[in-house]
Amino acid sequence: SDPSWTDGIHFYVEPREFTMNPSQGIILPRGHQDIEV
């Protein structure tokens, strides 16, 4: 019953379409961190 089905998706501001996991943290010396985008 969401009105977006017929009226489309409306945003009051620009949508946030990207998320990163993790988005912050600590990388140890000469280490690495895998990031999911």
PDB file of all heavy atoms in Angstrom:
ATOM      1  N   SER A   1       0.816  -1.219   0.000  1.00  0.00           N
ATOM      2  CA  SER A   1       0.000   0.000   0.000  1.00  0.00           C
ATOM      3  C   SER A   1       0.846   1.263   0.000  1.00  0.00           C
ATOM      4  O   SER A   1       0.310   2.368   0.088  1.00  0.00           O
ATOM      5  CB  SER A   1      -0.933   0.007   1.219  1.00  0.00           C
ATOM      6  OG  SER A   1      -0.180  -0.002   2.431  1.00  0.00           O
ATOM      7  N   ASP A   2       2.161   1.114  -0.090  1.00  0.00           N
ATOM      8  CA  ASP A   2       3.047   2.280  -0.110  1.00  0.00           C
ATOM      9  C   ASP A   2       2.730   3.139  -1.335  1.00  0.00           C
ATOM     10  O   ASP A   2       2.656   2.635  -2.461  1.00  0.00           O
ATOM     11  CB  ASP A   2       4.508   1.812  -0.159  1.00  0.00           C
ATOM     12  CG  ASP A   2       5.485   2.948   0.127  1.00  0.00           C
ATOM     13  OD1 ASP A   2       5.370   3.999  -0.532  1.00  0.00           O
ATOM     14  OD2 ASP A   2       6.345   2.785   1.008  1.00  0.00           O
ATOM     15  N   PRO A   3       2.525   4.453  -1.149  1.00  0.00           N
ATOM     16  CA  PRO A   3       2.183   5.308  -2.298  1.00  0.00           C
ATOM     17  C   PRO A   3       3.291   5.399  -3.346  1.00  0.00           C
ATOM     18  O   PRO A   3       3.043   5.827  -4.467  1.00  0.00           O
ATOM     19  CB  PRO A   3       1.919   6.682  -1.650  1.00  0.00           C
ATOM     20  CG  PRO A   3       2.586   6.628  -0.313  1.00  0.00           C
ATOM     21  CD  PRO A   3       2.503   5.204   0.123  1.00  0.00           C
ATOM     22  N   SER A   4       4.511   4.999  -2.999  1.00  0.00           N
ATOM     23  CA  SER A   4       5.605   5.061  -3.977  1.00  0.00           C
ATOM     24  C   SER A   4       5.369   4.126  -5.152  1.00  0.00           C
ATOM     25  O   SER A   4       5.947   4.311  -6.223  1.00  0.00           O
ATOM     26  CB  SER A   4       6.934   4.718  -3.294  1.00  0.00           C
ATOM     27  OG  SER A   4       6.942   3.385  -2.824  1.00  0.00           O
ATOM     28  N   TRP A   5       4.487   3.116  -4.983  1.00  0.00           N
ATOM     29  CA  TRP A   5       4.200   2.213  -6.090  1.00  0.00           C
ATOM     30  C   TRP A   5       3.568   2.951  -7.261  1.00  0.00           C
ATOM     31  O   TRP A   5       3.831   2.641  -8.424  1.00  0.00           O
ATOM     32  CB  TRP A   5       3.263   1.103  -5.621  1.00  0.00           C
ATOM     33  CG  TRP A   5       3.952   0.004  -4.851  1.00  0.00           C
ATOM     34  CD1 TRP A   5       3.863  -0.250  -3.513  1.00  0.00           C
ATOM     35  CD2 TRP A   5       4.822  -0.994  -5.365  1.00  0.00           C
ATOM     36  NE1 TRP A   5       4.621  -1.336  -3.169  1.00  0.00           N
ATOM     37  CE2 TRP A   5       5.220  -1.818  -4.286  1.00  0.00           C
ATOM     38  CE3 TRP A   5       5.315  -1.278  -6.637  1.00  0.00           C
ATOM     39  CZ2 TRP A   5       6.082  -2.908  -4.450  1.00  0.00           C
ATOM     40  CZ3 TRP A   5       6.164  -2.365  -6.800  1.00  0.00           C
ATOM     41  CH2 TRP A   5       6.541  -3.161  -5.718  1.00  0.00           C
ATOM     42  N   THR A   6       2.691   3.904  -6.958  1.00  0.00           N
ATOM     43  CA  THR A   6       1.994   4.612  -8.033  1.00  0.00           C
ATOM     44  C   THR A   6       2.544   6.012  -8.268  1.00  0.00           C
ATOM     45  O   THR A   6       2.501   6.528  -9.385  1.00  0.00           O
ATOM     46  CB  THR A   6       0.490   4.721  -7.712  1.00  0.00           C
ATOM     47  OG1 THR A   6       0.328   5.290  -6.399  1.00  0.00           O
ATOM     48  CG2 THR A   6      -0.145   3.337  -7.733  1.00  0.00           C
ATOM     49  N   ASP A   7       3.059   6.649  -7.205  1.00  0.00           N
ATOM     50  CA  ASP A   7       3.525   8.035  -7.329  1.00  0.00           C
ATOM     51  C   ASP A   7       5.027   8.155  -7.491  1.00  0.00           C
ATOM     52  O   ASP A   7       5.539   9.254  -7.718  1.00  0.00           O
ATOM     53  CB  ASP A   7       3.104   8.844  -6.089  1.00  0.00           C
ATOM     54  CG  ASP A   7       1.599   8.852  -5.884  1.00  0.00           C
ATOM     55  OD1 ASP A   7       0.887   8.686  -6.900  1.00  0.00           O
ATOM     56  OD2 ASP A   7       1.151   8.995  -4.740  1.00  0.00           O
ATOM     57  N   GLY A   8       5.751   7.048  -7.356  1.00  0.00           N
ATOM     58  CA  GLY A   8       7.203   7.112  -7.414  1.00  0.00           C
ATOM     59  C   GLY A   8       7.777   7.433  -6.043  1.00  0.00           C
ATOM     60  O   GLY A   8       7.069   7.817  -5.109  1.00  0.00           O
ATOM     61  N   ILE A   9       9.091   7.244  -5.923  1.00  0.00           N
ATOM     62  CA  ILE A   9       9.786   7.505  -4.662  1.00  0.00           C
ATOM     63  C   ILE A   9      10.181   8.972  -4.610  1.00  0.00           C
ATOM     64  O   ILE A   9      10.840   9.487  -5.510  1.00  0.00           O
ATOM     65  CB  ILE A   9      11.034   6.614  -4.535  1.00  0.00           C
ATOM     66  CG1 ILE A   9      10.627   5.139  -4.560  1.00  0.00           C
ATOM     67  CG2 ILE A   9      11.803   6.934  -3.267  1.00  0.00           C
ATOM     68  CD1 ILE A   9      11.797   4.182  -4.570  1.00  0.00           C
ATOM     69  N   HIS A  10       9.741   9.653  -3.554  1.00  0.00           N
ATOM     70  CA  HIS A  10      10.034  11.078  -3.402  1.00  0.00           C
ATOM     71  C   HIS A  10      10.898  11.286  -2.163  1.00  0.00           C
ATOM     72  O   HIS A  10      10.658  10.705  -1.109  1.00  0.00           O
ATOM     73  CB  HIS A  10       8.749  11.895  -3.284  1.00  0.00           C
ATOM     74  CG  HIS A  10       7.896  11.831  -4.519  1.00  0.00           C
ATOM     75  ND1 HIS A  10       8.182  12.535  -5.668  1.00  0.00           N
ATOM     76  CD2 HIS A  10       6.767  11.128  -4.796  1.00  0.00           C
ATOM     77  CE1 HIS A  10       7.269  12.276  -6.590  1.00  0.00           C
ATOM     78  NE2 HIS A  10       6.400  11.420  -6.081  1.00  0.00           N
ATOM     79  N   PHE A  11      11.908  12.136  -2.306  1.00  0.00           N
ATOM     80  CA  PHE A  11      12.812  12.438  -1.207  1.00  0.00           C
ATOM     81  C   PHE A  11      12.741  13.921  -0.884  1.00  0.00           C
ATOM     82  O   PHE A  11      12.637  14.760  -1.771  1.00  0.00           O
ATOM     83  CB  PHE A  11      14.254  12.068  -1.572  1.00  0.00           C
ATOM     84  CG  PHE A  11      14.479  10.589  -1.737  1.00  0.00           C
ATOM     85  CD1 PHE A  11      14.448   9.997  -2.985  1.00  0.00           C
ATOM     86  CD2 PHE A  11      14.718   9.786  -0.637  1.00  0.00           C
ATOM     87  CE1 PHE A  11      14.650   8.638  -3.141  1.00  0.00           C
ATOM     88  CE2 PHE A  11      14.930   8.426  -0.777  1.00  0.00           C
ATOM     89  CZ  PHE A  11      14.898   7.859  -2.029  1.00  0.00           C
ATOM     90  N   TYR A  12      12.789  14.223   0.421  1.00  0.00           N
ATOM     91  CA  TYR A  12      12.863  15.620   0.837  1.00  0.00           C
ATOM     92  C   TYR A  12      14.270  16.168   0.615  1.00  0.00           C
ATOM     93  O   TYR A  12      14.461  17.363   0.402  1.00  0.00           O
ATOM     94  CB  TYR A  12      12.467  15.745   2.312  1.00  0.00           C
ATOM     95  CG  TYR A  12      11.039  15.298   2.580  1.00  0.00           C
ATOM     96  CD1 TYR A  12      10.771  14.066   3.153  1.00  0.00           C
ATOM     97  CD2 TYR A  12       9.961  16.113   2.227  1.00  0.00           C
ATOM     98  CE1 TYR A  12       9.470  13.653   3.387  1.00  0.00           C
ATOM     99  CE2 TYR A  12       8.653  15.708   2.448  1.00  0.00           C
ATOM    100  CZ  TYR A  12       8.411  14.477   3.036  1.00  0.00           C
ATOM    101  OH  TYR A  12       7.121  14.072   3.251  1.00  0.00           O
ATOM    102  N   VAL A  13      15.260  15.283   0.688  1.00  0.00           N
ATOM    103  CA  VAL A  13      16.648  15.627   0.375  1.00  0.00           C
ATOM    104  C   VAL A  13      17.182  14.538  -0.547  1.00  0.00           C
ATOM    105  O   VAL A  13      16.504  13.568  -0.849  1.00  0.00           O
ATOM    106  CB  VAL A  13      17.498  15.721   1.666  1.00  0.00           C
ATOM    107  CG1 VAL A  13      17.050  16.899   2.529  1.00  0.00           C
ATOM    108  CG2 VAL A  13      17.433  14.426   2.465  1.00  0.00           C
ATOM    109  N   GLU A  14      18.416  14.710  -1.019  1.00  0.00           N
ATOM    110  CA  GLU A  14      19.005  13.734  -1.918  1.00  0.00           C
ATOM    111  C   GLU A  14      19.161  12.379  -1.213  1.00  0.00           C
ATOM    112  O   GLU A  14      19.499  12.315  -0.035  1.00  0.00           O
ATOM    113  CB  GLU A  14      20.383  14.230  -2.396  1.00  0.00           C
ATOM    114  CG  GLU A  14      20.319  15.430  -3.329  1.00  0.00           C
ATOM    115  CD  GLU A  14      19.612  15.094  -4.638  1.00  0.00           C
ATOM    116  OE1 GLU A  14      19.819  13.979  -5.162  1.00  0.00           O
ATOM    117  OE2 GLU A  14      18.852  15.937  -5.129  1.00  0.00           O
ATOM    118  N   PRO A  15      18.910  11.278  -1.930  1.00  0.00           N
ATOM    119  CA  PRO A  15      19.018   9.959  -1.291  1.00  0.00           C
ATOM    120  C   PRO A  15      20.469   9.571  -1.029  1.00  0.00           C
ATOM    121  O   PRO A  15      21.375   9.922  -1.793  1.00  0.00           O
ATOM    122  CB  PRO A  15      18.381   9.021  -2.326  1.00  0.00           C
ATOM    123  CG  PRO A  15      18.573   9.720  -3.636  1.00  0.00           C
ATOM    124  CD  PRO A  15      18.453  11.191  -3.334  1.00  0.00           C
ATOM    125  N   ARG A  16      20.665   8.833   0.060  1.00  0.00           N
ATOM    126  CA  ARG A  16      21.979   8.266   0.344  1.00  0.00           C
ATOM    127  C   ARG A  16      22.004   6.866  -0.247  1.00  0.00           C
ATOM    128  O   ARG A  16      21.401   5.932   0.271  1.00  0.00           O
ATOM    129  CB  ARG A  16      22.239   8.215   1.850  1.00  0.00           C
ATOM    130  CG  ARG A  16      23.663   7.762   2.187  1.00  0.00           C
ATOM    131  CD  ARG A  16      23.943   7.766   3.675  1.00  0.00           C
ATOM    132  NE  ARG A  16      23.289   6.650   4.356  1.00  0.00           N
ATOM    133  CZ  ARG A  16      22.347   6.770   5.271  1.00  0.00           C
ATOM    134  NH1 ARG A  16      21.914   7.972   5.627  1.00  0.00           N
ATOM    135  NH2 ARG A  16      21.806   5.709   5.840  1.00  0.00           N
ATOM    136  N   GLU A  17      22.716   6.724  -1.342  1.00  0.00           N
ATOM    137  CA  GLU A  17      22.664   5.489  -2.117  1.00  0.00           C
ATOM    138  C   GLU A  17      23.874   4.582  -1.878  1.00  0.00           C
ATOM    139  O   GLU A  17      23.863   3.424  -2.299  1.00  0.00           O
ATOM    140  CB  GLU A  17      22.537   5.832  -3.602  1.00  0.00           C
ATOM    141  CG  GLU A  17      21.238   6.598  -3.898  1.00  0.00           C
ATOM    142  CD  GLU A  17      21.169   7.156  -5.308  1.00  0.00           C
ATOM    143  OE1 GLU A  17      22.074   7.936  -5.671  1.00  0.00           O
ATOM    144  OE2 GLU A  17      20.222   6.826  -6.028  1.00  0.00           O
ATOM    145  N   PHE A  18      24.888   5.093  -1.217  1.00  0.00           N
ATOM    146  CA  PHE A  18      26.087   4.300  -0.936  1.00  0.00           C
ATOM    147  C   PHE A  18      26.220   4.060   0.564  1.00  0.00           C
ATOM    148  O   PHE A  18      25.978   4.964   1.371  1.00  0.00           O
ATOM    149  CB  PHE A  18      27.348   5.015  -1.430  1.00  0.00           C
ATOM    150  CG  PHE A  18      27.482   5.074  -2.923  1.00  0.00           C
ATOM    151  CD1 PHE A  18      26.927   6.126  -3.635  1.00  0.00           C
ATOM    152  CD2 PHE A  18      28.164   4.085  -3.618  1.00  0.00           C
ATOM    153  CE1 PHE A  18      27.051   6.188  -5.014  1.00  0.00           C
ATOM    154  CE2 PHE A  18      28.283   4.141  -4.997  1.00  0.00           C
ATOM    155  CZ  PHE A  18      27.732   5.190  -5.695  1.00  0.00           C
ATOM    156  N   THR A  19      26.602   2.845   0.925  1.00  0.00           N
ATOM    157  CA  THR A  19      26.965   2.550   2.314  1.00  0.00           C
ATOM    158  C   THR A  19      28.268   1.755   2.297  1.00  0.00           C
ATOM    159  O   THR A  19      28.515   0.951   1.383  1.00  0.00           O
ATOM    160  CB  THR A  19      25.878   1.740   3.043  1.00  0.00           C
ATOM    161  OG1 THR A  19      25.592   0.547   2.302  1.00  0.00           O
ATOM    162  CG2 THR A  19      24.602   2.561   3.195  1.00  0.00           C
ATOM    163  N   MET A  20      29.093   1.992   3.304  1.00  0.00           N
ATOM    164  CA  MET A  20      30.371   1.302   3.433  1.00  0.00           C
ATOM    165  C   MET A  20      30.411   0.555   4.759  1.00  0.00           C
ATOM    166  O   MET A  20      29.957   1.078   5.777  1.00  0.00           O
ATOM    167  CB  MET A  20      31.528   2.298   3.373  1.00  0.00           C
ATOM    168  CG  MET A  20      31.741   2.901   1.985  1.00  0.00           C
ATOM    169  SD  MET A  20      30.592   4.236   1.593  1.00  0.00           S
ATOM    170  CE  MET A  20      31.196   5.551   2.642  1.00  0.00           C
ATOM    171  N   ASN A  21      30.954  -0.649   4.740  1.00  0.00           N
ATOM    172  CA  ASN A  21      31.052  -1.459   5.951  1.00  0.00           C
ATOM    173  C   ASN A  21      32.425  -2.144   6.002  1.00  0.00           C
ATOM    174  O   ASN A  21      32.727  -2.990   5.156  1.00  0.00           O
ATOM    175  CB  ASN A  21      29.950  -2.501   5.981  1.00  0.00           C
ATOM    176  CG  ASN A  21      29.974  -3.329   7.249  1.00  0.00           C
ATOM    177  OD1 ASN A  21      30.304  -2.830   8.323  1.00  0.00           O
ATOM    178  ND2 ASN A  21      29.643  -4.604   7.121  1.00  0.00           N
ATOM    179  N   PRO A  22      33.257  -1.735   6.987  1.00  0.00           N
ATOM    180  CA  PRO A  22      33.025  -0.644   7.950  1.00  0.00           C
ATOM    181  C   PRO A  22      33.297   0.711   7.302  1.00  0.00           C
ATOM    182  O   PRO A  22      34.042   0.800   6.333  1.00  0.00           O
ATOM    183  CB  PRO A  22      34.046  -0.944   9.043  1.00  0.00           C
ATOM    184  CG  PRO A  22      35.179  -1.605   8.312  1.00  0.00           C
ATOM    185  CD  PRO A  22      34.548  -2.428   7.230  1.00  0.00           C
ATOM    186  N   SER A  23      32.685   1.739   7.843  1.00  0.00           N
ATOM    187  CA  SER A  23      32.903   3.090   7.321  1.00  0.00           C
ATOM    188  C   SER A  23      34.014   3.813   8.072  1.00  0.00           C
ATOM    189  O   SER A  23      34.449   4.884   7.645  1.00  0.00           O
ATOM    190  CB  SER A  23      31.617   3.902   7.411  1.00  0.00           C
ATOM    191  OG  SER A  23      31.182   4.010   8.753  1.00  0.00           O
ATOM    192  N   GLN A  24      34.453   3.250   9.185  1.00  0.00           N
ATOM    193  CA  GLN A  24      35.553   3.827   9.947  1.00  0.00           C
ATOM    194  C   GLN A  24      36.179   2.751  10.823  1.00  0.00           C
ATOM    195  O   GLN A  24      35.592   1.688  11.038  1.00  0.00           O
ATOM    196  CB  GLN A  24      35.076   4.995  10.808  1.00  0.00           C
ATOM    197  CG  GLN A  24      33.972   4.645  11.773  1.00  0.00           C
ATOM    198  CD  GLN A  24      33.453   5.858  12.499  1.00  0.00           C
ATOM    199  OE1 GLN A  24      34.028   6.945  12.441  1.00  0.00           O
ATOM    200  NE2 GLN A  24      32.353   5.691  13.207  1.00  0.00           N
ATOM    201  N   GLY A  25      37.378   3.037  11.298  1.00  0.00           N
ATOM    202  CA  GLY A  25      38.051   2.060  12.141  1.00  0.00           C
ATOM    203  C   GLY A  25      39.538   2.359  12.221  1.00  0.00           C
ATOM    204  O   GLY A  25      40.004   3.444  11.849  1.00  0.00           O
ATOM    205  N   ILE A  26      40.295   1.379  12.702  1.00  0.00           N
ATOM    206  CA  ILE A  26      41.742   1.496  12.852  1.00  0.00           C
ATOM    207  C   ILE A  26      42.404   0.390  12.039  1.00  0.00           C
ATOM    208  O   ILE A  26      42.026  -0.786  12.137  1.00  0.00           O
ATOM    209  CB  ILE A  26      42.156   1.391  14.333  1.00  0.00           C
ATOM    210  CG1 ILE A  26      41.551   2.542  15.141  1.00  0.00           C
ATOM    211  CG2 ILE A  26      43.675   1.384  14.473  1.00  0.00           C
ATOM    212  CD1 ILE A  26      41.839   2.454  16.623  1.00  0.00           C
ATOM    213  N   ILE A  27      43.401   0.773  11.234  1.00  0.00           N
ATOM    214  CA  ILE A  27      44.197  -0.195  10.493  1.00  0.00           C
ATOM    215  C   ILE A  27      45.559  -0.288  11.173  1.00  0.00           C
ATOM    216  O   ILE A  27      46.251   0.722  11.365  1.00  0.00           O
ATOM    217  CB  ILE A  27      44.361   0.212   9.013  1.00  0.00           C
ATOM    218  CG1 ILE A  27      43.000   0.454   8.360  1.00  0.00           C
ATOM    219  CG2 ILE A  27      45.109  -0.880   8.252  1.00  0.00           C
ATOM    220  CD1 ILE A  27      43.092   0.851   6.903  1.00  0.00           C
ATOM    221  N   LEU A  28      45.946  -1.495  11.554  1.00  0.00           N
ATOM    222  CA  LEU A  28      47.210  -1.701  12.237  1.00  0.00           C
ATOM    223  C   LEU A  28      48.387  -1.435  11.312  1.00  0.00           C
ATOM    224  O   LEU A  28      48.236  -1.409  10.080  1.00  0.00           O
ATOM    225  CB  LEU A  28      47.264  -3.139  12.760  1.00  0.00           C
ATOM    226  CG  LEU A  28      46.196  -3.516  13.808  1.00  0.00           C
ATOM    227  CD1 LEU A  28      46.332  -4.985  14.178  1.00  0.00           C
ATOM    228  CD2 LEU A  28      46.301  -2.626  15.025  1.00  0.00           C
ATOM    229  N   PRO A  29      49.571  -1.212  11.892  1.00  0.00           N
ATOM    230  CA  PRO A  29      50.760  -0.967  11.064  1.00  0.00           C
ATOM    231  C   PRO A  29      50.977  -2.080  10.037  1.00  0.00           C
ATOM    232  O   PRO A  29      50.916  -3.259  10.359  1.00  0.00           O
ATOM    233  CB  PRO A  29      51.898  -0.914  12.086  1.00  0.00           C
ATOM    234  CG  PRO A  29      51.236  -0.527  13.363  1.00  0.00           C
ATOM    235  CD  PRO A  29      49.868  -1.142  13.322  1.00  0.00           C
ATOM    236  N   ARG A  30      51.186  -1.652   8.811  1.00  0.00           N
ATOM    237  CA  ARG A  30      51.393  -2.563   7.684  1.00  0.00           C
ATOM    238  C   ARG A  30      50.268  -3.614   7.588  1.00  0.00           C
ATOM    239  O   ARG A  30      50.488  -4.762   7.199  1.00  0.00           O
ATOM    240  CB  ARG A  30      52.765  -3.237   7.774  1.00  0.00           C
ATOM    241  CG  ARG A  30      53.914  -2.222   7.693  1.00  0.00           C
ATOM    242  CD  ARG A  30      55.282  -2.867   7.703  1.00  0.00           C
ATOM    243  NE  ARG A  30      56.303  -1.853   7.490  1.00  0.00           N
ATOM    244  CZ  ARG A  30      56.860  -1.119   8.462  1.00  0.00           C
ATOM    245  NH1 ARG A  30      56.480  -1.312   9.721  1.00  0.00           N
ATOM    246  NH2 ARG A  30      57.780  -0.220   8.187  1.00  0.00           N
ATOM    247  N   GLY A  31      49.073  -3.171   7.945  1.00  0.00           N
ATOM    248  CA  GLY A  31      47.913  -4.043   7.875  1.00  0.00           C
ATOM    249  C   GLY A  31      46.949  -3.576   6.797  1.00  0.00           C
ATOM    250  O   GLY A  31      47.222  -2.658   6.020  1.00  0.00           O
ATOM    251  N   HIS A  32      45.785  -4.189   6.760  1.00  0.00           N
ATOM    252  CA  HIS A  32      44.790  -3.823   5.761  1.00  0.00           C
ATOM    253  C   HIS A  32      43.393  -4.024   6.336  1.00  0.00           C
ATOM    254  O   HIS A  32      43.215  -4.701   7.359  1.00  0.00           O
ATOM    255  CB  HIS A  32      44.957  -4.638   4.483  1.00  0.00           C
ATOM    256  CG  HIS A  32      44.745  -6.104   4.671  1.00  0.00           C
ATOM    257  ND1 HIS A  32      45.774  -6.984   4.921  1.00  0.00           N
ATOM    258  CD2 HIS A  32      43.611  -6.870   4.675  1.00  0.00           C
ATOM    259  CE1 HIS A  32      45.297  -8.199   5.062  1.00  0.00           C
ATOM    260  NE2 HIS A  32      43.980  -8.166   4.925  1.00  0.00           N
ATOM    261  N   GLN A  33      42.408  -3.450   5.653  1.00  0.00           N
ATOM    262  CA  GLN A  33      41.003  -3.578   6.031  1.00  0.00           C
ATOM    263  C   GLN A  33      40.180  -3.789   4.767  1.00  0.00           C
ATOM    264  O   GLN A  33      40.252  -2.991   3.825  1.00  0.00           O
ATOM    265  CB  GLN A  33      40.520  -2.321   6.757  1.00  0.00           C
ATOM    266  CG  GLN A  33      39.027  -2.307   7.066  1.00  0.00           C
ATOM    267  CD  GLN A  33      38.645  -3.358   8.083  1.00  0.00           C
ATOM    268  OE1 GLN A  33      39.114  -3.331   9.221  1.00  0.00           O
ATOM    269  NE2 GLN A  33      37.777  -4.274   7.689  1.00  0.00           N
ATOM    270  N   ASP A  34      39.419  -4.893   4.724  1.00  0.00           N
ATOM    271  CA  ASP A  34      38.511  -5.116   3.598  1.00  0.00           C
ATOM    272  C   ASP A  34      37.240  -4.307   3.810  1.00  0.00           C
ATOM    273  O   ASP A  34      36.648  -4.318   4.891  1.00  0.00           O
ATOM    274  CB  ASP A  34      38.178  -6.602   3.476  1.00  0.00           C
ATOM    275  CG  ASP A  34      39.367  -7.423   2.998  1.00  0.00           C
ATOM    276  OD1 ASP A  34      40.215  -6.860   2.278  1.00  0.00           O
ATOM    277  OD2 ASP A  34      39.454  -8.609   3.358  1.00  0.00           O
ATOM    278  N   ILE A  35      36.814  -3.613   2.751  1.00  0.00           N
ATOM    279  CA  ILE A  35      35.656  -2.712   2.809  1.00  0.00           C
ATOM    280  C   ILE A  35      34.575  -3.235   1.859  1.00  0.00           C
ATOM    281  O   ILE A  35      34.853  -3.511   0.694  1.00  0.00           O
ATOM    282  CB  ILE A  35      36.038  -1.273   2.406  1.00  0.00           C
ATOM    283  CG1 ILE A  35      37.250  -0.784   3.198  1.00  0.00           C
ATOM    284  CG2 ILE A  35      34.845  -0.342   2.579  1.00  0.00           C
ATOM    285  CD1 ILE A  35      37.014  -0.591   4.661  1.00  0.00           C
ATOM    286  N   GLU A  36      33.342  -3.368   2.371  1.00  0.00           N
ATOM    287  CA  GLU A  36      32.189  -3.702   1.532  1.00  0.00           C
ATOM    288  C   GLU A  36      31.469  -2.409   1.143  1.00  0.00           C
ATOM    289  O   GLU A  36      31.029  -1.666   2.018  1.00  0.00           O
ATOM    290  CB  GLU A  36      31.225  -4.633   2.264  1.00  0.00           C
ATOM    291  CG  GLU A  36      31.736  -6.040   2.450  1.00  0.00           C
ATOM    292  CD  GLU A  36      30.687  -6.944   3.060  1.00  0.00           C
ATOM    293  OE1 GLU A  36      29.699  -6.414   3.614  1.00  0.00           O
ATOM    294  OE2 GLU A  36      30.841  -8.176   2.989  1.00  0.00           O
ATOM    295  N   VAL A  37      31.359  -2.172  -0.146  1.00  0.00           N
ATOM    296  CA  VAL A  37      30.667  -0.989  -0.661  1.00  0.00           C
ATOM    297  C   VAL A  37      29.350  -1.448  -1.279  1.00  0.00           C
ATOM    298  O   VAL A  37      29.343  -2.273  -2.196  1.00  0.00           O
ATOM    299  CB  VAL A  37      31.519  -0.244  -1.702  1.00  0.00           C
ATOM    300  CG1 VAL A  37      30.786   0.999  -2.197  1.00  0.00           C
ATOM    301  CG2 VAL A  37      32.872   0.132  -1.121  1.00  0.00           C
TER     302      VAL A  37
END
